């Protein structure tokens, strides 16, 4: 299963997460960098199956700012019934 990893030691804020998400998923400039755009990509544009790994999130000084992104990722995991996996480490 292909894996995309995000290392939160190098992600300062939500904008940086979205920038890295767009780059790693090879999305164009039309990616909206918001929760709706994230949902659309997760549930309709990514080649599945796929694992998304979030590394060192628990060590981030301001990890709470990513709560809505994590919730969206978790909801997509449920929606896609196993085709998308999320690992937090």
PDB file of N, CA and C in Angstrom:
ATOM      1  N   UNK A   1       0.842  -1.173   0.000  1.00  0.00           N
ATOM      2  CA  UNK A   1       0.000   0.000   0.000  1.00  0.00           C
ATOM      3  C   UNK A   1       0.893   1.245   0.000  1.00  0.00           C
ATOM      4  N   UNK A   2       0.673   2.146  -0.921  1.00  0.00           N
ATOM      5  CA  UNK A   2       1.442   3.404  -0.940  1.00  0.00           C
ATOM      6  C   UNK A   2       1.200   4.200   0.344  1.00  0.00           C
ATOM      7  N   UNK A   3       2.205   4.968   0.716  1.00  0.00           N
ATOM      8  CA  UNK A   3       2.140   5.753   1.950  1.00  0.00           C
ATOM      9  C   UNK A   3       2.577   7.188   1.680  1.00  0.00           C
ATOM     10  N   UNK A   4       1.860   8.122   2.288  1.00  0.00           N
ATOM     11  CA  UNK A   4       2.259   9.528   2.289  1.00  0.00           C
ATOM     12  C   UNK A   4       2.471   9.904   3.748  1.00  0.00           C
ATOM     13  N   UNK A   5       3.638  10.454   4.062  1.00  0.00           N
ATOM     14  CA  UNK A   5       3.965  10.812   5.444  1.00  0.00           C
ATOM     15  C   UNK A   5       4.093  12.321   5.593  1.00  0.00           C
ATOM     16  N   UNK A   6       3.630  12.791   6.753  1.00  0.00           N
ATOM     17  CA  UNK A   6       3.759  14.199   7.106  1.00  0.00           C
ATOM     18  C   UNK A   6       4.457  14.271   8.458  1.00  0.00           C
ATOM     19  N   UNK A   7       5.605  14.901   8.501  1.00  0.00           N
ATOM     20  CA  UNK A   7       6.388  15.018   9.721  1.00  0.00           C
ATOM     21  C   UNK A   7       6.122  16.389  10.338  1.00  0.00           C
ATOM     22  N   UNK A   8       5.412  16.383  11.454  1.00  0.00           N
ATOM     23  CA  UNK A   8       4.992  17.635  12.067  1.00  0.00           C
ATOM     24  C   UNK A   8       6.116  18.386  12.766  1.00  0.00           C
ATOM     25  N   UNK A   9       7.319  17.845  12.755  1.00  0.00           N
ATOM     26  CA  UNK A   9       8.463  18.641  13.195  1.00  0.00           C
ATOM     27  C   UNK A   9       8.752  19.737  12.174  1.00  0.00           C
ATOM     28  N   UNK A  10       8.254  19.546  10.950  1.00  0.00           N
ATOM     29  CA  UNK A  10       8.512  20.490   9.859  1.00  0.00           C
ATOM     30  C   UNK A  10       7.240  21.133   9.333  1.00  0.00           C
ATOM     31  N   UNK A  11       6.173  21.053  10.109  1.00  0.00           N
ATOM     32  CA  UNK A  11       4.903  21.677   9.728  1.00  0.00           C
ATOM     33  C   UNK A  11       4.527  22.639  10.847  1.00  0.00           C
ATOM     34  N   UNK A  12       4.660  23.916  10.573  1.00  0.00           N
ATOM     35  CA  UNK A  12       4.440  24.925  11.608  1.00  0.00           C
ATOM     36  C   UNK A  12       2.959  25.190  11.866  1.00  0.00           C
ATOM     37  N   UNK A  13       2.145  25.138  10.811  1.00  0.00           N
ATOM     38  CA  UNK A  13       0.744  25.517  10.957  1.00  0.00           C
ATOM     39  C   UNK A  13      -0.106  24.838   9.882  1.00  0.00           C
ATOM     40  N   UNK A  14      -1.398  25.118   9.892  1.00  0.00           N
ATOM     41  CA  UNK A  14      -2.319  24.496   8.921  1.00  0.00           C
ATOM     42  C   UNK A  14      -1.940  24.826   7.491  1.00  0.00           C
ATOM     43  N   UNK A  15      -1.540  26.051   7.239  1.00  0.00           N
ATOM     44  CA  UNK A  15      -1.179  26.438   5.872  1.00  0.00           C
ATOM     45  C   UNK A  15      -0.026  25.590   5.348  1.00  0.00           C
ATOM     46  N   UNK A  16       0.946  25.325   6.200  1.00  0.00           N
ATOM     47  CA  UNK A  16       2.075  24.486   5.797  1.00  0.00           C
ATOM     48  C   UNK A  16       1.615  23.048   5.576  1.00  0.00           C
ATOM     49  N   UNK A  17       0.705  22.547   6.406  1.00  0.00           N
ATOM     50  CA  UNK A  17       0.175  21.197   6.169  1.00  0.00           C
ATOM     51  C   UNK A  17      -0.478  21.127   4.791  1.00  0.00           C
ATOM     52  N   UNK A  18      -1.348  22.080   4.499  1.00  0.00           N
ATOM     53  CA  UNK A  18      -2.027  22.069   3.202  1.00  0.00           C
ATOM     54  C   UNK A  18      -1.034  22.193   2.044  1.00  0.00           C
ATOM     55  N   UNK A  19       0.003  23.005   2.211  1.00  0.00           N
ATOM     56  CA  UNK A  19       1.014  23.143   1.164  1.00  0.00           C
ATOM     57  C   UNK A  19       1.693  21.802   0.925  1.00  0.00           C
ATOM     58  N   UNK A  20       2.097  21.141   2.005  1.00  0.00           N
ATOM     59  CA  UNK A  20       2.755  19.844   1.856  1.00  0.00           C
ATOM     60  C   UNK A  20       1.793  18.792   1.320  1.00  0.00           C
ATOM     61  N   UNK A  21       0.542  18.821   1.760  1.00  0.00           N
ATOM     62  CA  UNK A  21      -0.454  17.879   1.265  1.00  0.00           C
ATOM     63  C   UNK A  21      -0.606  18.029  -0.250  1.00  0.00           C
ATOM     64  N   UNK A  22      -0.744  19.261  -0.723  1.00  0.00           N
ATOM     65  CA  UNK A  22      -0.895  19.513  -2.154  1.00  0.00           C
ATOM     66  C   UNK A  22       0.335  19.046  -2.921  1.00  0.00           C
ATOM     67  N   UNK A  23       1.520  19.297  -2.386  1.00  0.00           N
ATOM     68  CA  UNK A  23       2.748  18.893  -3.070  1.00  0.00           C
ATOM     69  C   UNK A  23       2.874  17.373  -3.116  1.00  0.00           C
ATOM     70  N   UNK A  24       2.645  16.716  -1.992  1.00  0.00           N
ATOM     71  CA  UNK A  24       2.823  15.257  -1.928  1.00  0.00           C
ATOM     72  C   UNK A  24       1.761  14.507  -2.716  1.00  0.00           C
ATOM     73  N   UNK A  25       0.594  15.104  -2.854  1.00  0.00           N
ATOM     74  CA  UNK A  25      -0.487  14.471  -3.616  1.00  0.00           C
ATOM     75  C   UNK A  25      -0.519  14.967  -5.058  1.00  0.00           C
ATOM     76  N   UNK A  26       0.445  15.799  -5.403  1.00  0.00           N
ATOM     77  CA  UNK A  26       0.586  16.335  -6.759  1.00  0.00           C
ATOM     78  C   UNK A  26      -0.691  17.025  -7.228  1.00  0.00           C
ATOM     79  N   UNK A  27      -1.211  17.905  -6.368  1.00  0.00           N
ATOM     80  CA  UNK A  27      -2.403  18.667  -6.684  1.00  0.00           C
ATOM     81  C   UNK A  27      -2.005  19.990  -7.314  1.00  0.00           C
ATOM     82  N   UNK A  28      -2.814  20.481  -8.168  1.00  0.00           N
ATOM     83  CA  UNK A  28      -2.537  21.749  -8.827  1.00  0.00           C
ATOM     84  C   UNK A  28      -2.900  22.935  -7.946  1.00  0.00           C
ATOM     85  N   UNK A  29      -2.766  24.102  -8.517  1.00  0.00           N
ATOM     86  CA  UNK A  29      -3.068  25.336  -7.797  1.00  0.00           C
ATOM     87  C   UNK A  29      -4.542  25.467  -7.458  1.00  0.00           C
ATOM     88  N   UNK A  30      -5.382  24.650  -8.086  1.00  0.00           N
ATOM     89  CA  UNK A  30      -6.811  24.725  -7.811  1.00  0.00           C
ATOM     90  C   UNK A  30      -7.188  24.133  -6.451  1.00  0.00           C
ATOM     91  N   UNK A  31      -6.238  23.435  -5.797  1.00  0.00           N
ATOM     92  CA  UNK A  31      -6.508  22.904  -4.469  1.00  0.00           C
ATOM     93  C   UNK A  31      -6.787  24.056  -3.523  1.00  0.00           C
ATOM     94  N   UNK A  32      -7.925  24.014  -2.854  1.00  0.00           N
ATOM     95  CA  UNK A  32      -8.397  25.137  -2.053  1.00  0.00           C
ATOM     96  C   UNK A  32      -7.771  25.324  -0.690  1.00  0.00           C
ATOM     97  N   UNK A  33      -6.969  24.390  -0.207  1.00  0.00           N
ATOM     98  CA  UNK A  33      -6.296  24.510   1.087  1.00  0.00           C
ATOM     99  C   UNK A  33      -7.280  24.807   2.211  1.00  0.00           C
ATOM    100  N   UNK A  34      -8.344  23.999   2.272  1.00  0.00           N
ATOM    101  CA  UNK A  34      -9.312  24.098   3.354  1.00  0.00           C
ATOM    102  C   UNK A  34      -9.916  22.715   3.577  1.00  0.00           C
ATOM    103  N   UNK A  35     -10.760  22.589   4.583  1.00  0.00           N
ATOM    104  CA  UNK A  35     -11.308  21.275   4.929  1.00  0.00           C
ATOM    105  C   UNK A  35     -12.167  20.679   3.824  1.00  0.00           C
ATOM    106  N   UNK A  36     -12.948  21.507   3.141  1.00  0.00           N
ATOM    107  CA  UNK A  36     -13.783  20.994   2.047  1.00  0.00           C
ATOM    108  C   UNK A  36     -12.924  20.455   0.911  1.00  0.00           C
ATOM    109  N   UNK A  37     -11.879  21.175   0.569  1.00  0.00           N
ATOM    110  CA  UNK A  37     -10.979  20.721  -0.501  1.00  0.00           C
ATOM    111  C   UNK A  37     -10.245  19.452  -0.072  1.00  0.00           C
ATOM    112  N   UNK A  38      -9.832  19.387   1.190  1.00  0.00           N
ATOM    113  CA  UNK A  38      -9.179  18.193   1.712  1.00  0.00           C
ATOM    114  C   UNK A  38     -10.116  16.993   1.588  1.00  0.00           C
ATOM    115  N   UNK A  39     -11.359  17.154   2.004  1.00  0.00           N
ATOM    116  CA  UNK A  39     -12.351  16.076   1.914  1.00  0.00           C
ATOM    117  C   UNK A  39     -12.525  15.622   0.464  1.00  0.00           C
ATOM    118  N   UNK A  40     -12.662  16.567  -0.437  1.00  0.00           N
ATOM    119  CA  UNK A  40     -12.865  16.231  -1.849  1.00  0.00           C
ATOM    120  C   UNK A  40     -11.707  15.411  -2.403  1.00  0.00           C
ATOM    121  N   UNK A  41     -10.496  15.793  -2.060  1.00  0.00           N
ATOM    122  CA  UNK A  41      -9.325  15.051  -2.542  1.00  0.00           C
ATOM    123  C   UNK A  41      -9.273  13.663  -1.907  1.00  0.00           C
ATOM    124  N   UNK A  42      -9.489  13.600  -0.605  1.00  0.00           N
ATOM    125  CA  UNK A  42      -9.419  12.312   0.090  1.00  0.00           C
ATOM    126  C   UNK A  42     -10.443  11.323  -0.432  1.00  0.00           C
ATOM    127  N   UNK A  43     -11.634  11.785  -0.724  1.00  0.00           N
ATOM    128  CA  UNK A  43     -12.721  10.878  -1.077  1.00  0.00           C
ATOM    129  C   UNK A  43     -12.972  10.742  -2.569  1.00  0.00           C
ATOM    130  N   UNK A  44     -12.200  11.463  -3.387  1.00  0.00           N
ATOM    131  CA  UNK A  44     -12.494  11.357  -4.803  1.00  0.00           C
ATOM    132  C   UNK A  44     -11.342  11.518  -5.767  1.00  0.00           C
ATOM    133  N   UNK A  45     -10.205  11.965  -5.281  1.00  0.00           N
ATOM    134  CA  UNK A  45      -9.120  12.247  -6.215  1.00  0.00           C
ATOM    135  C   UNK A  45      -7.866  11.416  -5.998  1.00  0.00           C
ATOM    136  N   UNK A  46      -7.695  10.856  -4.822  1.00  0.00           N
ATOM    137  CA  UNK A  46      -6.490  10.087  -4.544  1.00  0.00           C
ATOM    138  C   UNK A  46      -6.624   8.655  -5.054  1.00  0.00           C
ATOM    139  N   UNK A  47      -5.509   8.123  -5.516  1.00  0.00           N
ATOM    140  CA  UNK A  47      -5.464   6.709  -5.893  1.00  0.00           C
ATOM    141  C   UNK A  47      -5.446   5.887  -4.606  1.00  0.00           C
ATOM    142  N   UNK A  48      -6.401   5.018  -4.482  1.00  0.00           N
ATOM    143  CA  UNK A  48      -6.521   4.178  -3.293  1.00  0.00           C
ATOM    144  C   UNK A  48      -6.197   2.742  -3.656  1.00  0.00           C
ATOM    145  N   UNK A  49      -5.755   1.932  -2.728  1.00  0.00           N
ATOM    146  CA  UNK A  49      -5.598   2.192  -1.299  1.00  0.00           C
ATOM    147  C   UNK A  49      -4.395   3.087  -1.012  1.00  0.00           C
ATOM    148  N   UNK A  50      -4.444   3.719   0.157  1.00  0.00           N
ATOM    149  CA  UNK A  50      -3.408   4.662   0.559  1.00  0.00           C
ATOM    150  C   UNK A  50      -3.356   4.732   2.079  1.00  0.00           C
ATOM    151  N   UNK A  51      -2.142   4.859   2.598  1.00  0.00           N
ATOM    152  CA  UNK A  51      -1.951   5.120   4.023  1.00  0.00           C
ATOM    153  C   UNK A  51      -1.380   6.521   4.175  1.00  0.00           C
ATOM    154  N   UNK A  52      -1.949   7.278   5.094  1.00  0.00           N
ATOM    155  CA  UNK A  52      -1.422   8.592   5.447  1.00  0.00           C
ATOM    156  C   UNK A  52      -0.851   8.479   6.858  1.00  0.00           C
ATOM    157  N   UNK A  53       0.424   8.824   6.997  1.00  0.00           N
ATOM    158  CA  UNK A  53       1.102   8.777   8.295  1.00  0.00           C
ATOM    159  C   UNK A  53       1.363  10.205   8.781  1.00  0.00           C
ATOM    160  N   UNK A  54       0.961  10.444  10.004  1.00  0.00           N
ATOM    161  CA  UNK A  54       1.211  11.728  10.652  1.00  0.00           C
ATOM    162  C   UNK A  54       2.241  11.488  11.745  1.00  0.00           C
ATOM    163  N   UNK A  55       3.437  11.947  11.498  1.00  0.00           N
ATOM    164  CA  UNK A  55       4.560  11.687  12.395  1.00  0.00           C
ATOM    165  C   UNK A  55       4.790  12.875  13.321  1.00  0.00           C
ATOM    166  N   UNK A  56       5.028  12.580  14.592  1.00  0.00           N
ATOM    167  CA  UNK A  56       5.406  13.580  15.602  1.00  0.00           C
ATOM    168  C   UNK A  56       4.331  14.630  15.867  1.00  0.00           C
ATOM    169  N   UNK A  57       3.092  14.344  15.516  1.00  0.00           N
ATOM    170  CA  UNK A  57       2.019  15.316  15.767  1.00  0.00           C
ATOM    171  C   UNK A  57       1.870  15.590  17.258  1.00  0.00           C
ATOM    172  N   UNK A  58       1.955  14.549  18.063  1.00  0.00           N
ATOM    173  CA  UNK A  58       1.784  14.713  19.513  1.00  0.00           C
ATOM    174  C   UNK A  58       2.874  15.589  20.142  1.00  0.00           C
ATOM    175  N   UNK A  59       3.979  15.780  19.450  1.00  0.00           N
ATOM    176  CA  UNK A  59       5.074  16.612  19.957  1.00  0.00           C
ATOM    177  C   UNK A  59       4.960  18.069  19.515  1.00  0.00           C
ATOM    178  N   UNK A  60       4.025  18.352  18.615  1.00  0.00           N
ATOM    179  CA  UNK A  60       3.879  19.713  18.088  1.00  0.00           C
ATOM    180  C   UNK A  60       3.384  20.639  19.198  1.00  0.00           C
ATOM    181  N   UNK A  61       3.996  21.782  19.305  1.00  0.00           N
ATOM    182  CA  UNK A  61       3.648  22.745  20.347  1.00  0.00           C
ATOM    183  C   UNK A  61       2.192  23.186  20.262  1.00  0.00           C
ATOM    184  N   UNK A  62       1.675  23.285  19.051  1.00  0.00           N
ATOM    185  CA  UNK A  62       0.306  23.760  18.832  1.00  0.00           C
ATOM    186  C   UNK A  62      -0.507  22.715  18.076  1.00  0.00           C
ATOM    187  N   UNK A  63      -0.461  21.480  18.534  1.00  0.00           N
ATOM    188  CA  UNK A  63      -1.128  20.386  17.821  1.00  0.00           C
ATOM    189  C   UNK A  63      -2.646  20.566  17.746  1.00  0.00           C
ATOM    190  N   UNK A  64      -3.238  21.306  18.669  1.00  0.00           N
ATOM    191  CA  UNK A  64      -4.687  21.502  18.669  1.00  0.00           C
ATOM    192  C   UNK A  64      -5.174  22.197  17.399  1.00  0.00           C
ATOM    193  N   UNK A  65      -4.314  23.001  16.770  1.00  0.00           N
ATOM    194  CA  UNK A  65      -4.735  23.693  15.554  1.00  0.00           C
ATOM    195  C   UNK A  65      -5.015  22.728  14.400  1.00  0.00           C
ATOM    196  N   UNK A  66      -4.562  21.473  14.533  1.00  0.00           N
ATOM    197  CA  UNK A  66      -4.762  20.484  13.487  1.00  0.00           C
ATOM    198  C   UNK A  66      -5.960  19.575  13.757  1.00  0.00           C
ATOM    199  N   UNK A  67      -6.722  19.844  14.801  1.00  0.00           N
ATOM    200  CA  UNK A  67      -7.824  18.965  15.205  1.00  0.00           C
ATOM    201  C   UNK A  67      -8.851  18.772  14.092  1.00  0.00           C
ATOM    202  N   UNK A  68      -9.234  19.824  13.414  1.00  0.00           N
ATOM    203  CA  UNK A  68     -10.234  19.705  12.350  1.00  0.00           C
ATOM    204  C   UNK A  68      -9.683  18.909  11.164  1.00  0.00           C
ATOM    205  N   UNK A  69      -8.409  19.071  10.865  1.00  0.00           N
ATOM    206  CA  UNK A  69      -7.783  18.299   9.783  1.00  0.00           C
ATOM    207  C   UNK A  69      -7.771  16.825  10.154  1.00  0.00           C
ATOM    208  N   UNK A  70      -7.399  16.510  11.387  1.00  0.00           N
ATOM    209  CA  UNK A  70      -7.367  15.115  11.837  1.00  0.00           C
ATOM    210  C   UNK A  70      -8.776  14.532  11.791  1.00  0.00           C
ATOM    211  N   UNK A  71      -9.752  15.289  12.240  1.00  0.00           N
ATOM    212  CA  UNK A  71     -11.141  14.814  12.219  1.00  0.00           C
ATOM    213  C   UNK A  71     -11.600  14.531  10.789  1.00  0.00           C
ATOM    214  N   UNK A  72     -11.220  15.367   9.852  1.00  0.00           N
ATOM    215  CA  UNK A  72     -11.573  15.155   8.449  1.00  0.00           C
ATOM    216  C   UNK A  72     -10.897  13.905   7.908  1.00  0.00           C
ATOM    217  N   UNK A  73      -9.628  13.718   8.239  1.00  0.00           N
ATOM    218  CA  UNK A  73      -8.919  12.508   7.828  1.00  0.00           C
ATOM    219  C   UNK A  73      -9.587  11.263   8.404  1.00  0.00           C
ATOM    220  N   UNK A  74      -9.937  11.311   9.682  1.00  0.00           N
ATOM    221  CA  UNK A  74     -10.585  10.162  10.322  1.00  0.00           C
ATOM    222  C   UNK A  74     -11.953   9.872   9.711  1.00  0.00           C
ATOM    223  N   UNK A  75     -12.698  10.909   9.391  1.00  0.00           N
ATOM    224  CA  UNK A  75     -14.003  10.720   8.750  1.00  0.00           C
ATOM    225  C   UNK A  75     -13.853  10.094   7.369  1.00  0.00           C
ATOM    226  N   UNK A  76     -12.824  10.512   6.637  1.00  0.00           N
ATOM    227  CA  UNK A  76     -12.567   9.931   5.318  1.00  0.00           C
ATOM    228  C   UNK A  76     -12.188   8.457   5.432  1.00  0.00           C
ATOM    229  N   UNK A  77     -11.428   8.107   6.462  1.00  0.00           N
ATOM    230  CA  UNK A  77     -11.075   6.704   6.693  1.00  0.00           C
ATOM    231  C   UNK A  77     -12.348   5.871   6.856  1.00  0.00           C
ATOM    232  N   UNK A  78     -13.292   6.365   7.649  1.00  0.00           N
ATOM    233  CA  UNK A  78     -14.555   5.657   7.847  1.00  0.00           C
ATOM    234  C   UNK A  78     -15.358   5.589   6.549  1.00  0.00           C
ATOM    235  N   UNK A  79     -15.423   6.687   5.848  1.00  0.00           N
ATOM    236  CA  UNK A  79     -16.197   6.766   4.602  1.00  0.00           C
ATOM    237  C   UNK A  79     -15.669   5.795   3.548  1.00  0.00           C
ATOM    238  N   UNK A  80     -14.352   5.654   3.490  1.00  0.00           N
ATOM    239  CA  UNK A  80     -13.734   4.849   2.437  1.00  0.00           C
ATOM    240  C   UNK A  80     -13.553   3.386   2.840  1.00  0.00           C
ATOM    241  N   UNK A  81     -14.030   3.020   4.009  1.00  0.00           N
ATOM    242  CA  UNK A  81     -14.158   1.627   4.418  1.00  0.00           C
ATOM    243  C   UNK A  81     -12.894   0.795   4.199  1.00  0.00           C
ATOM    244  N   UNK A  82     -11.761   1.315   4.701  1.00  0.00           N
ATOM    245  CA  UNK A  82     -10.530   0.538   4.651  1.00  0.00           C
ATOM    246  C   UNK A  82      -9.603   0.870   3.502  1.00  0.00           C
ATOM    247  N   UNK A  83     -10.070   1.586   2.506  1.00  0.00           N
ATOM    248  CA  UNK A  83      -9.196   1.942   1.379  1.00  0.00           C
ATOM    249  C   UNK A  83      -8.191   3.028   1.746  1.00  0.00           C
ATOM    250  N   UNK A  84      -8.528   3.800   2.766  1.00  0.00           N
ATOM    251  CA  UNK A  84      -7.644   4.828   3.282  1.00  0.00           C
ATOM    252  C   UNK A  84      -7.341   4.478   4.732  1.00  0.00           C
ATOM    253  N   UNK A  85      -6.064   4.499   5.071  1.00  0.00           N
ATOM    254  CA  UNK A  85      -5.645   4.241   6.446  1.00  0.00           C
ATOM    255  C   UNK A  85      -4.924   5.464   6.977  1.00  0.00           C
ATOM    256  N   UNK A  86      -5.093   5.699   8.259  1.00  0.00           N
ATOM    257  CA  UNK A  86      -4.456   6.831   8.931  1.00  0.00           C
ATOM    258  C   UNK A  86      -3.662   6.297  10.111  1.00  0.00           C
ATOM    259  N   UNK A  87      -2.387   6.674  10.168  1.00  0.00           N
ATOM    260  CA  UNK A  87      -1.517   6.264  11.269  1.00  0.00           C
ATOM    261  C   UNK A  87      -0.939   7.502  11.918  1.00  0.00           C
ATOM    262  N   UNK A  88      -1.114   7.612  13.228  1.00  0.00           N
ATOM    263  CA  UNK A  88      -0.515   8.702  13.991  1.00  0.00           C
ATOM    264  C   UNK A  88       0.584   8.119  14.846  1.00  0.00           C
ATOM    265  N   UNK A  89       1.774   8.661  14.710  1.00  0.00           N
ATOM    266  CA  UNK A  89       2.885   8.150  15.511  1.00  0.00           C
ATOM    267  C   UNK A  89       3.813   9.270  15.929  1.00  0.00           C
TER     268      UNK A  89
END
